[in-house]
Amino acid sequence: MPVEKTPKFTDLHEQVFVYLDNHPYGTKLVELGQEFRLPRIMIARVLTELIAENMVEKQELLYFARR
């Protein structure tokens, strides 16, 4: 069952996707947490949802925007 997103949460999804899209060599979870000044668990949830939406992929420890 999909989780409904609040507008703020949707903005975070978009911001994370744009950040990944601007880093074609991939980004680690810890780097995203530092960039957005959020706990890694929150970033991990966003990444999990973006992966489920087929917008992001994970290879080893790196996350990439799918184009």
PDB file of N, CA and C in Angstrom:
ATOM      1  N   MET A   1       0.835  -1.177   0.000  1.00  0.00           N
ATOM      2  CA  MET A   1       0.000   0.000   0.000  1.00  0.00           C
ATOM      3  C   MET A   1       0.883   1.245   0.000  1.00  0.00           C
ATOM      4  N   PRO A   2       0.728   2.133  -0.972  1.00  0.00           N
ATOM      5  CA  PRO A   2       1.561   3.337  -1.045  1.00  0.00           C
ATOM      6  C   PRO A   2       1.307   4.263   0.136  1.00  0.00           C
ATOM      7  N   VAL A   3       2.348   4.935   0.535  1.00  0.00           N
ATOM      8  CA  VAL A   3       2.253   5.906   1.625  1.00  0.00           C
ATOM      9  C   VAL A   3       1.922   7.257   1.022  1.00  0.00           C
ATOM     10  N   GLU A   4       0.915   7.912   1.596  1.00  0.00           N
ATOM     11  CA  GLU A   4       0.597   9.254   1.119  1.00  0.00           C
ATOM     12  C   GLU A   4       1.671  10.211   1.602  1.00  0.00           C
ATOM     13  N   LYS A   5       2.037  11.135   0.744  1.00  0.00           N
ATOM     14  CA  LYS A   5       3.109  12.072   1.065  1.00  0.00           C
ATOM     15  C   LYS A   5       2.531  13.452   1.322  1.00  0.00           C
ATOM     16  N   THR A   6       3.043  14.110   2.331  1.00  0.00           N
ATOM     17  CA  THR A   6       2.674  15.495   2.560  1.00  0.00           C
ATOM     18  C   THR A   6       3.456  16.342   1.554  1.00  0.00           C
ATOM     19  N   PRO A   7       3.008  17.570   1.286  1.00  0.00           N
ATOM     20  CA  PRO A   7       3.766  18.402   0.344  1.00  0.00           C
ATOM     21  C   PRO A   7       5.231  18.570   0.733  1.00  0.00           C
ATOM     22  N   LYS A   8       5.516  18.712   2.028  1.00  0.00           N
ATOM     23  CA  LYS A   8       6.904  18.870   2.465  1.00  0.00           C
ATOM     24  C   LYS A   8       7.705  17.613   2.128  1.00  0.00           C
ATOM     25  N   PHE A   9       7.098  16.452   2.357  1.00  0.00           N
ATOM     26  CA  PHE A   9       7.775  15.193   2.073  1.00  0.00           C
ATOM     27  C   PHE A   9       7.996  15.031   0.576  1.00  0.00           C
ATOM     28  N   THR A  10       7.035  15.431  -0.228  1.00  0.00           N
ATOM     29  CA  THR A  10       7.191  15.377  -1.675  1.00  0.00           C
ATOM     30  C   THR A  10       8.342  16.271  -2.113  1.00  0.00           C
ATOM     31  N   ASP A  11       8.461  17.446  -1.510  1.00  0.00           N
ATOM     32  CA  ASP A  11       9.571  18.339  -1.835  1.00  0.00           C
ATOM     33  C   ASP A  11      10.906  17.681  -1.519  1.00  0.00           C
ATOM     34  N   LEU A  12      10.980  16.969  -0.398  1.00  0.00           N
ATOM     35  CA  LEU A  12      12.210  16.280  -0.031  1.00  0.00           C
ATOM     36  C   LEU A  12      12.542  15.197  -1.060  1.00  0.00           C
ATOM     37  N   HIS A  13      11.528  14.474  -1.523  1.00  0.00           N
ATOM     38  CA  HIS A  13      11.748  13.468  -2.561  1.00  0.00           C
ATOM     39  C   HIS A  13      12.364  14.118  -3.801  1.00  0.00           C
ATOM     40  N   GLU A  14      11.773  15.228  -4.208  1.00  0.00           N
ATOM     41  CA  GLU A  14      12.262  15.931  -5.397  1.00  0.00           C
ATOM     42  C   GLU A  14      13.682  16.452  -5.183  1.00  0.00           C
ATOM     43  N   GLN A  15      13.947  17.002  -4.006  1.00  0.00           N
ATOM     44  CA  GLN A  15      15.278  17.536  -3.721  1.00  0.00           C
ATOM     45  C   GLN A  15      16.330  16.437  -3.723  1.00  0.00           C
ATOM     46  N   VAL A  16      16.002  15.286  -3.145  1.00  0.00           N
ATOM     47  CA  VAL A  16      16.945  14.168  -3.138  1.00  0.00           C
ATOM     48  C   VAL A  16      17.179  13.682  -4.558  1.00  0.00           C
ATOM     49  N   PHE A  17      16.118  13.568  -5.346  1.00  0.00           N
ATOM     50  CA  PHE A  17      16.277  13.129  -6.735  1.00  0.00           C
ATOM     51  C   PHE A  17      17.150  14.094  -7.523  1.00  0.00           C
ATOM     52  N   VAL A  18      16.901  15.382  -7.395  1.00  0.00           N
ATOM     53  CA  VAL A  18      17.693  16.393  -8.113  1.00  0.00           C
ATOM     54  C   VAL A  18      19.155  16.325  -7.685  1.00  0.00           C
ATOM     55  N   TYR A  19      19.389  16.170  -6.390  1.00  0.00           N
ATOM     56  CA  TYR A  19      20.769  16.054  -5.888  1.00  0.00           C
ATOM     57  C   TYR A  19      21.459  14.848  -6.531  1.00  0.00           C
ATOM     58  N   LEU A  20      20.774  13.708  -6.547  1.00  0.00           N
ATOM     59  CA  LEU A  20      21.359  12.512  -7.163  1.00  0.00           C
ATOM     60  C   LEU A  20      21.572  12.700  -8.665  1.00  0.00           C
ATOM     61  N   ASP A  21      20.646  13.364  -9.295  1.00  0.00           N
ATOM     62  CA  ASP A  21      20.767  13.610 -10.736  1.00  0.00           C
ATOM     63  C   ASP A  21      21.973  14.488 -11.045  1.00  0.00           C
ATOM     64  N   ASN A  22      22.350  15.354 -10.117  1.00  0.00           N
ATOM     65  CA  ASN A  22      23.515  16.229 -10.290  1.00  0.00           C
ATOM     66  C   ASN A  22      24.824  15.560  -9.881  1.00  0.00           C
ATOM     67  N   HIS A  23      24.749  14.314  -9.433  1.00  0.00           N
ATOM     68  CA  HIS A  23      25.932  13.556  -9.016  1.00  0.00           C
ATOM     69  C   HIS A  23      25.951  12.220  -9.780  1.00  0.00           C
ATOM     70  N   PRO A  24      26.338  12.266 -11.048  1.00  0.00           N
ATOM     71  CA  PRO A  24      26.243  11.076 -11.907  1.00  0.00           C
ATOM     72  C   PRO A  24      27.124   9.908 -11.468  1.00  0.00           C
ATOM     73  N   TYR A  25      28.090  10.133 -10.597  1.00  0.00           N
ATOM     74  CA  TYR A  25      28.950   9.038 -10.137  1.00  0.00           C
ATOM     75  C   TYR A  25      28.428   8.401  -8.852  1.00  0.00           C
ATOM     76  N   GLY A  26      27.235   8.823  -8.435  1.00  0.00           N
ATOM     77  CA  GLY A  26      26.599   8.227  -7.277  1.00  0.00           C
ATOM     78  C   GLY A  26      26.911   8.958  -5.990  1.00  0.00           C
ATOM     79  N   THR A  27      26.078   8.698  -4.992  1.00  0.00           N
ATOM     80  CA  THR A  27      26.201   9.329  -3.686  1.00  0.00           C
ATOM     81  C   THR A  27      25.869   8.305  -2.620  1.00  0.00           C
ATOM     82  N   LYS A  28      26.600   8.352  -1.511  1.00  0.00           N
ATOM     83  CA  LYS A  28      26.340   7.458  -0.390  1.00  0.00           C
ATOM     84  C   LYS A  28      25.255   8.042   0.516  1.00  0.00           C
ATOM     85  N   LEU A  29      24.609   7.156   1.246  1.00  0.00           N
ATOM     86  CA  LEU A  29      23.561   7.550   2.175  1.00  0.00           C
ATOM     87  C   LEU A  29      24.066   8.578   3.185  1.00  0.00           C
ATOM     88  N   VAL A  30      25.246   8.359   3.715  1.00  0.00           N
ATOM     89  CA  VAL A  30      25.804   9.280   4.720  1.00  0.00           C
ATOM     90  C   VAL A  30      26.002  10.676   4.125  1.00  0.00           C
ATOM     91  N   GLU A  31      26.403  10.752   2.864  1.00  0.00           N
ATOM     92  CA  GLU A  31      26.583  12.053   2.208  1.00  0.00           C
ATOM     93  C   GLU A  31      25.241  12.779   2.057  1.00  0.00           C
ATOM     94  N   LEU A  32      24.202  12.020   1.720  1.00  0.00           N
ATOM     95  CA  LEU A  32      22.874  12.630   1.594  1.00  0.00           C
ATOM     96  C   LEU A  32      22.390  13.151   2.946  1.00  0.00           C
ATOM     97  N   GLY A  33      22.625  12.383   3.989  1.00  0.00           N
ATOM     98  CA  GLY A  33      22.236  12.823   5.332  1.00  0.00           C
ATOM     99  C   GLY A  33      22.929  14.114   5.726  1.00  0.00           C
ATOM    100  N   GLN A  34      24.216  14.192   5.403  1.00  0.00           N
ATOM    101  CA  GLN A  34      24.973  15.405   5.718  1.00  0.00           C
ATOM    102  C   GLN A  34      24.488  16.586   4.875  1.00  0.00           C
ATOM    103  N   GLU A  35      24.251  16.350   3.610  1.00  0.00           N
ATOM    104  CA  GLU A  35      23.815  17.418   2.706  1.00  0.00           C
ATOM    105  C   GLU A  35      22.473  18.019   3.146  1.00  0.00           C
ATOM    106  N   PHE A  36      21.534  17.151   3.507  1.00  0.00           N
ATOM    107  CA  PHE A  36      20.195  17.614   3.853  1.00  0.00           C
ATOM    108  C   PHE A  36      20.011  17.842   5.356  1.00  0.00           C
ATOM    109  N   ARG A  37      21.076  17.554   6.120  1.00  0.00           N
ATOM    110  CA  ARG A  37      21.044  17.731   7.577  1.00  0.00           C
ATOM    111  C   ARG A  37      19.849  17.012   8.204  1.00  0.00           C
ATOM    112  N   LEU A  38      19.677  15.770   7.770  1.00  0.00           N
ATOM    113  CA  LEU A  38      18.594  14.930   8.265  1.00  0.00           C
ATOM    114  C   LEU A  38      19.167  13.593   8.707  1.00  0.00           C
ATOM    115  N   PRO A  39      18.466  12.906   9.608  1.00  0.00           N
ATOM    116  CA  PRO A  39      18.933  11.579  10.018  1.00  0.00           C
ATOM    117  C   PRO A  39      18.962  10.618   8.827  1.00  0.00           C
ATOM    118  N   ARG A  40      19.941   9.745   8.837  1.00  0.00           N
ATOM    119  CA  ARG A  40      20.065   8.790   7.734  1.00  0.00           C
ATOM    120  C   ARG A  40      18.818   7.944   7.560  1.00  0.00           C
ATOM    121  N   ILE A  41      18.124   7.618   8.652  1.00  0.00           N
ATOM    122  CA  ILE A  41      16.918   6.803   8.547  1.00  0.00           C
ATOM    123  C   ILE A  41      15.844   7.510   7.726  1.00  0.00           C
ATOM    124  N   MET A  42      15.757   8.829   7.855  1.00  0.00           N
ATOM    125  CA  MET A  42      14.770   9.586   7.070  1.00  0.00           C
ATOM    126  C   MET A  42      15.159   9.595   5.588  1.00  0.00           C
ATOM    127  N   ILE A  43      16.434   9.806   5.315  1.00  0.00           N
ATOM    128  CA  ILE A  43      16.904   9.774   3.926  1.00  0.00           C
ATOM    129  C   ILE A  43      16.716   8.368   3.348  1.00  0.00           C
ATOM    130  N   ALA A  44      16.970   7.349   4.161  1.00  0.00           N
ATOM    131  CA  ALA A  44      16.813   5.966   3.701  1.00  0.00           C
ATOM    132  C   ALA A  44      15.367   5.693   3.299  1.00  0.00           C
ATOM    133  N   ARG A  45      14.415   6.215   4.048  1.00  0.00           N
ATOM    134  CA  ARG A  45      12.991   6.035   3.698  1.00  0.00           C
ATOM    135  C   ARG A  45      12.679   6.695   2.360  1.00  0.00           C
ATOM    136  N   VAL A  46      13.190   7.903   2.179  1.00  0.00           N
ATOM    137  CA  VAL A  46      12.969   8.605   0.909  1.00  0.00           C
ATOM    138  C   VAL A  46      13.579   7.804  -0.238  1.00  0.00           C
ATOM    139  N   LEU A  47      14.797   7.319  -0.058  1.00  0.00           N
ATOM    140  CA  LEU A  47      15.456   6.541  -1.101  1.00  0.00           C
ATOM    141  C   LEU A  47      14.692   5.258  -1.410  1.00  0.00           C
ATOM    142  N   THR A  48      14.184   4.601  -0.383  1.00  0.00           N
ATOM    143  CA  THR A  48      13.399   3.383  -0.587  1.00  0.00           C
ATOM    144  C   THR A  48      12.164   3.663  -1.435  1.00  0.00           C
ATOM    145  N   GLU A  49      11.511   4.773  -1.158  1.00  0.00           N
ATOM    146  CA  GLU A  49      10.327   5.138  -1.943  1.00  0.00           C
ATOM    147  C   GLU A  49      10.704   5.525  -3.372  1.00  0.00           C
ATOM    148  N   LEU A  50      11.813   6.241  -3.546  1.00  0.00           N
ATOM    149  CA  LEU A  50      12.254   6.603  -4.895  1.00  0.00           C
ATOM    150  C   LEU A  50      12.672   5.364  -5.685  1.00  0.00           C
ATOM    151  N   ILE A  51      13.268   4.392  -5.015  1.00  0.00           N
ATOM    152  CA  ILE A  51      13.622   3.132  -5.685  1.00  0.00           C
ATOM    153  C   ILE A  51      12.345   2.410  -6.109  1.00  0.00           C
ATOM    154  N   ALA A  52      11.347   2.366  -5.227  1.00  0.00           N
ATOM    155  CA  ALA A  52      10.071   1.720  -5.548  1.00  0.00           C
ATOM    156  C   ALA A  52       9.375   2.402  -6.720  1.00  0.00           C
ATOM    157  N   GLU A  53       9.586   3.699  -6.846  1.00  0.00           N
ATOM    158  CA  GLU A  53       8.999   4.464  -7.959  1.00  0.00           C
ATOM    159  C   GLU A  53       9.873   4.393  -9.214  1.00  0.00           C
ATOM    160  N   ASN A  54      10.962   3.620  -9.134  1.00  0.00           N
ATOM    161  CA  ASN A  54      11.887   3.420 -10.248  1.00  0.00           C
ATOM    162  C   ASN A  54      12.577   4.718 -10.685  1.00  0.00           C
ATOM    163  N   MET A  55      12.770   5.622  -9.730  1.00  0.00           N
ATOM    164  CA  MET A  55      13.442   6.886 -10.024  1.00  0.00           C
ATOM    165  C   MET A  55      14.906   6.862  -9.588  1.00  0.00           C
ATOM    166  N   VAL A  56      15.234   5.944  -8.674  1.00  0.00           N
ATOM    167  CA  VAL A  56      16.585   5.838  -8.122  1.00  0.00           C
ATOM    168  C   VAL A  56      16.985   4.373  -8.125  1.00  0.00           C
ATOM    169  N   GLU A  57      18.272   4.125  -8.307  1.00  0.00           N
ATOM    170  CA  GLU A  57      18.788   2.764  -8.190  1.00  0.00           C
ATOM    171  C   GLU A  57      19.987   2.760  -7.250  1.00  0.00           C
ATOM    172  N   LYS A  58      20.216   1.597  -6.649  1.00  0.00           N
ATOM    173  CA  LYS A  58      21.332   1.442  -5.723  1.00  0.00           C
ATOM    174  C   LYS A  58      22.288   0.400  -6.285  1.00  0.00           C
ATOM    175  N   GLN A  59      23.561   0.744  -6.277  1.00  0.00           N
ATOM    176  CA  GLN A  59      24.624  -0.174  -6.687  1.00  0.00           C
ATOM    177  C   GLN A  59      25.682  -0.126  -5.598  1.00  0.00           C
ATOM    178  N   GLU A  60      25.863  -1.280  -4.939  1.00  0.00           N
ATOM    179  CA  GLU A  60      26.786  -1.349  -3.804  1.00  0.00           C
ATOM    180  C   GLU A  60      26.309  -0.348  -2.748  1.00  0.00           C
ATOM    181  N   LEU A  61      27.131   0.624  -2.380  1.00  0.00           N
ATOM    182  CA  LEU A  61      26.750   1.618  -1.379  1.00  0.00           C
ATOM    183  C   LEU A  61      26.346   2.958  -1.993  1.00  0.00           C
ATOM    184  N   LEU A  62      26.241   3.002  -3.312  1.00  0.00           N
ATOM    185  CA  LEU A  62      25.957   4.261  -3.998  1.00  0.00           C
ATOM    186  C   LEU A  62      24.534   4.293  -4.560  1.00  0.00           C
ATOM    187  N   TYR A  63      23.936   5.484  -4.518  1.00  0.00           N
ATOM    188  CA  TYR A  63      22.623   5.710  -5.080  1.00  0.00           C
ATOM    189  C   TYR A  63      22.759   6.598  -6.309  1.00  0.00           C
ATOM    190  N   PHE A  64      21.956   6.289  -7.334  1.00  0.00           N
ATOM    191  CA  PHE A  64      22.006   7.012  -8.595  1.00  0.00           C
ATOM    192  C   PHE A  64      20.584   7.369  -9.018  1.00  0.00           C
ATOM    193  N   ALA A  65      20.416   8.540  -9.649  1.00  0.00           N
ATOM    194  CA  ALA A  65      19.139   8.899 -10.266  1.00  0.00           C
ATOM    195  C   ALA A  65      19.025   8.118 -11.559  1.00  0.00           C
ATOM    196  N   ARG A  66      17.837   7.583 -11.799  1.00  0.00           N
ATOM    197  CA  ARG A  66      17.571   6.910 -13.083  1.00  0.00           C
ATOM    198  C   ARG A  66      17.062   7.963 -14.056  1.00  0.00           C
ATOM    199  N   ARG A  67      17.534   7.896 -15.243  1.00  0.00           N
ATOM    200  CA  ARG A  67      17.111   8.882 -16.261  1.00  0.00           C
ATOM    201  C   ARG A  67      16.284   8.241 -17.319  1.00  0.00           C
TER     202      ARG A  67
END
